[in-house]
Amino acid sequence: MSNLPASGVALGFLEALIGSPIIIIVTLLALLVAGVIIIFVVGTLLLFLPALIVAGVVWWMTGSELFAGGAFLLVALVALAKK
């Protein structure tokens, strides 16, 4: 016979591993928030990837950070307007 609570095998294992059900709920909410933040950051990076590439090419061709920044802003604004 197992000494796990009758709340289910998976939840019982987590309770035995972590502790109280409140800690489990807080941990799952923290993981959910972290996942949403990661998805948001990756989506934003993908949205600005063309602007980063164009800015890199402009900087490589001209050597000017001012022109590269302007190209980045211009392409980023176009990408945001298109979305």
C-alpha atoms as a PDB file:
ATOM      1  CA  MET A   1       0.000   0.000   0.000  1.00  0.00           C
ATOM      2  CA  SER A   2       1.256   3.463  -0.883  1.00  0.00           C
ATOM      3  CA  ASN A   3       1.234   6.292   1.628  1.00  0.00           C
ATOM      4  CA  LEU A   4       0.326   8.855  -1.059  1.00  0.00           C
ATOM      5  CA  PRO A   5      -2.893  10.842  -0.581  1.00  0.00           C
ATOM      6  CA  ALA A   6      -6.023   9.794  -2.455  1.00  0.00           C
ATOM      7  CA  SER A   7      -5.965  12.884  -4.693  1.00  0.00           C
ATOM      8  CA  GLY A   8      -4.495  10.999  -7.639  1.00  0.00           C
ATOM      9  CA  VAL A   9      -1.162   9.444  -8.396  1.00  0.00           C
ATOM     10  CA  ALA A  10       0.381  12.425 -10.196  1.00  0.00           C
ATOM     11  CA  LEU A  11      -0.832  15.005  -7.678  1.00  0.00           C
ATOM     12  CA  GLY A  12       0.123  12.684  -4.842  1.00  0.00           C
ATOM     13  CA  PHE A  13       3.630  12.351  -6.245  1.00  0.00           C
ATOM     14  CA  LEU A  14       3.952  16.125  -6.543  1.00  0.00           C
ATOM     15  CA  GLU A  15       2.656  16.612  -3.016  1.00  0.00           C
ATOM     16  CA  ALA A  16       5.151  14.100  -1.704  1.00  0.00           C
ATOM     17  CA  LEU A  17       7.934  15.732  -3.703  1.00  0.00           C
ATOM     18  CA  ILE A  18       7.128  19.403  -3.145  1.00  0.00           C
ATOM     19  CA  GLY A  19       4.812  19.701  -0.170  1.00  0.00           C
ATOM     20  CA  SER A  20       1.420  21.293   0.217  1.00  0.00           C
ATOM     21  CA  PRO A  21      -1.156  21.745  -2.574  1.00  0.00           C
ATOM     22  CA  ILE A  22      -0.773  25.544  -2.322  1.00  0.00           C
ATOM     23  CA  ILE A  23       2.896  25.266  -3.278  1.00  0.00           C
ATOM     24  CA  ILE A  24       1.913  23.094  -6.242  1.00  0.00           C
ATOM     25  CA  ILE A  25      -0.642  25.639  -7.455  1.00  0.00           C
ATOM     26  CA  VAL A  26       1.802  28.544  -7.066  1.00  0.00           C
ATOM     27  CA  THR A  27       4.511  26.568  -8.868  1.00  0.00           C
ATOM     28  CA  LEU A  28       2.195  25.706 -11.764  1.00  0.00           C
ATOM     29  CA  LEU A  29       1.077  29.334 -12.052  1.00  0.00           C
ATOM     30  CA  ALA A  30       4.705  30.492 -12.049  1.00  0.00           C
ATOM     31  CA  LEU A  31       5.525  27.976 -14.789  1.00  0.00           C
ATOM     32  CA  LEU A  32       2.516  29.180 -16.789  1.00  0.00           C
ATOM     33  CA  VAL A  33       3.578  32.817 -16.490  1.00  0.00           C
ATOM     34  CA  ALA A  34       7.160  31.931 -17.424  1.00  0.00           C
ATOM     35  CA  GLY A  35       5.909  30.020 -20.469  1.00  0.00           C
ATOM     36  CA  VAL A  36       3.750  32.925 -21.612  1.00  0.00           C
ATOM     37  CA  ILE A  37       6.670  35.332 -21.206  1.00  0.00           C
ATOM     38  CA  ILE A  38       8.979  33.037 -23.194  1.00  0.00           C
ATOM     39  CA  ILE A  39       6.413  32.702 -25.982  1.00  0.00           C
ATOM     40  CA  PHE A  40       5.953  36.496 -26.062  1.00  0.00           C
ATOM     41  CA  VAL A  41       9.711  37.135 -26.229  1.00  0.00           C
ATOM     42  CA  VAL A  42      10.243  34.580 -29.010  1.00  0.00           C
ATOM     43  CA  GLY A  43       7.327  36.032 -30.981  1.00  0.00           C
ATOM     44  CA  THR A  44       8.715  39.527 -30.604  1.00  0.00           C
ATOM     45  CA  LEU A  45      12.168  38.411 -31.718  1.00  0.00           C
ATOM     46  CA  LEU A  46      10.655  36.746 -34.779  1.00  0.00           C
ATOM     47  CA  LEU A  47       8.686  39.904 -35.538  1.00  0.00           C
ATOM     48  CA  PHE A  48      11.828  42.069 -35.413  1.00  0.00           C
ATOM     49  CA  LEU A  49      14.157  39.599 -37.134  1.00  0.00           C
ATOM     50  CA  PRO A  50      13.845  41.224 -40.589  1.00  0.00           C
ATOM     51  CA  ALA A  51      14.576  44.634 -39.066  1.00  0.00           C
ATOM     52  CA  LEU A  52      17.640  43.231 -37.337  1.00  0.00           C
ATOM     53  CA  ILE A  53      18.915  41.674 -40.554  1.00  0.00           C
ATOM     54  CA  VAL A  54      18.407  44.889 -42.538  1.00  0.00           C
ATOM     55  CA  ALA A  55      20.094  46.949 -39.827  1.00  0.00           C
ATOM     56  CA  GLY A  56      23.017  44.537 -39.804  1.00  0.00           C
ATOM     57  CA  VAL A  57      23.428  44.777 -43.561  1.00  0.00           C
ATOM     58  CA  VAL A  58      23.210  48.575 -43.475  1.00  0.00           C
ATOM     59  CA  TRP A  59      25.769  48.739 -40.674  1.00  0.00           C
ATOM     60  CA  TRP A  60      28.075  46.343 -42.543  1.00  0.00           C
ATOM     61  CA  MET A  61      27.832  48.372 -45.767  1.00  0.00           C
ATOM     62  CA  THR A  62      28.078  51.866 -44.266  1.00  0.00           C
ATOM     63  CA  GLY A  63      29.710  51.404 -40.870  1.00  0.00           C
ATOM     64  CA  SER A  64      27.256  53.970 -39.492  1.00  0.00           C
ATOM     65  CA  GLU A  65      25.314  53.039 -36.374  1.00  0.00           C
ATOM     66  CA  LEU A  66      22.988  55.971 -37.031  1.00  0.00           C
ATOM     67  CA  PHE A  67      21.965  54.628 -40.448  1.00  0.00           C
ATOM     68  CA  ALA A  68      21.661  51.104 -39.038  1.00  0.00           C
ATOM     69  CA  GLY A  69      19.410  52.353 -36.246  1.00  0.00           C
ATOM     70  CA  GLY A  70      17.283  54.295 -38.704  1.00  0.00           C
ATOM     71  CA  ALA A  71      16.962  51.263 -40.964  1.00  0.00           C
ATOM     72  CA  PHE A  72      15.998  49.135 -37.967  1.00  0.00           C
ATOM     73  CA  LEU A  73      13.331  51.599 -36.869  1.00  0.00           C
ATOM     74  CA  LEU A  74      11.944  51.966 -40.379  1.00  0.00           C
ATOM     75  CA  VAL A  75      11.673  48.222 -41.014  1.00  0.00           C
ATOM     76  CA  ALA A  76      10.346  47.600 -37.492  1.00  0.00           C
ATOM     77  CA  LEU A  77       7.615  50.211 -37.953  1.00  0.00           C
ATOM     78  CA  VAL A  78       6.652  48.668 -41.287  1.00  0.00           C
ATOM     79  CA  ALA A  79       6.513  45.212 -39.668  1.00  0.00           C
ATOM     80  CA  LEU A  80       4.342  46.521 -36.827  1.00  0.00           C
ATOM     81  CA  ALA A  81       2.023  48.326 -39.238  1.00  0.00           C
ATOM     82  CA  LYS A  82       1.751  45.210 -41.364  1.00  0.00           C
ATOM     83  CA  LYS A  83       0.841  43.089 -38.369  1.00  0.00           C
END
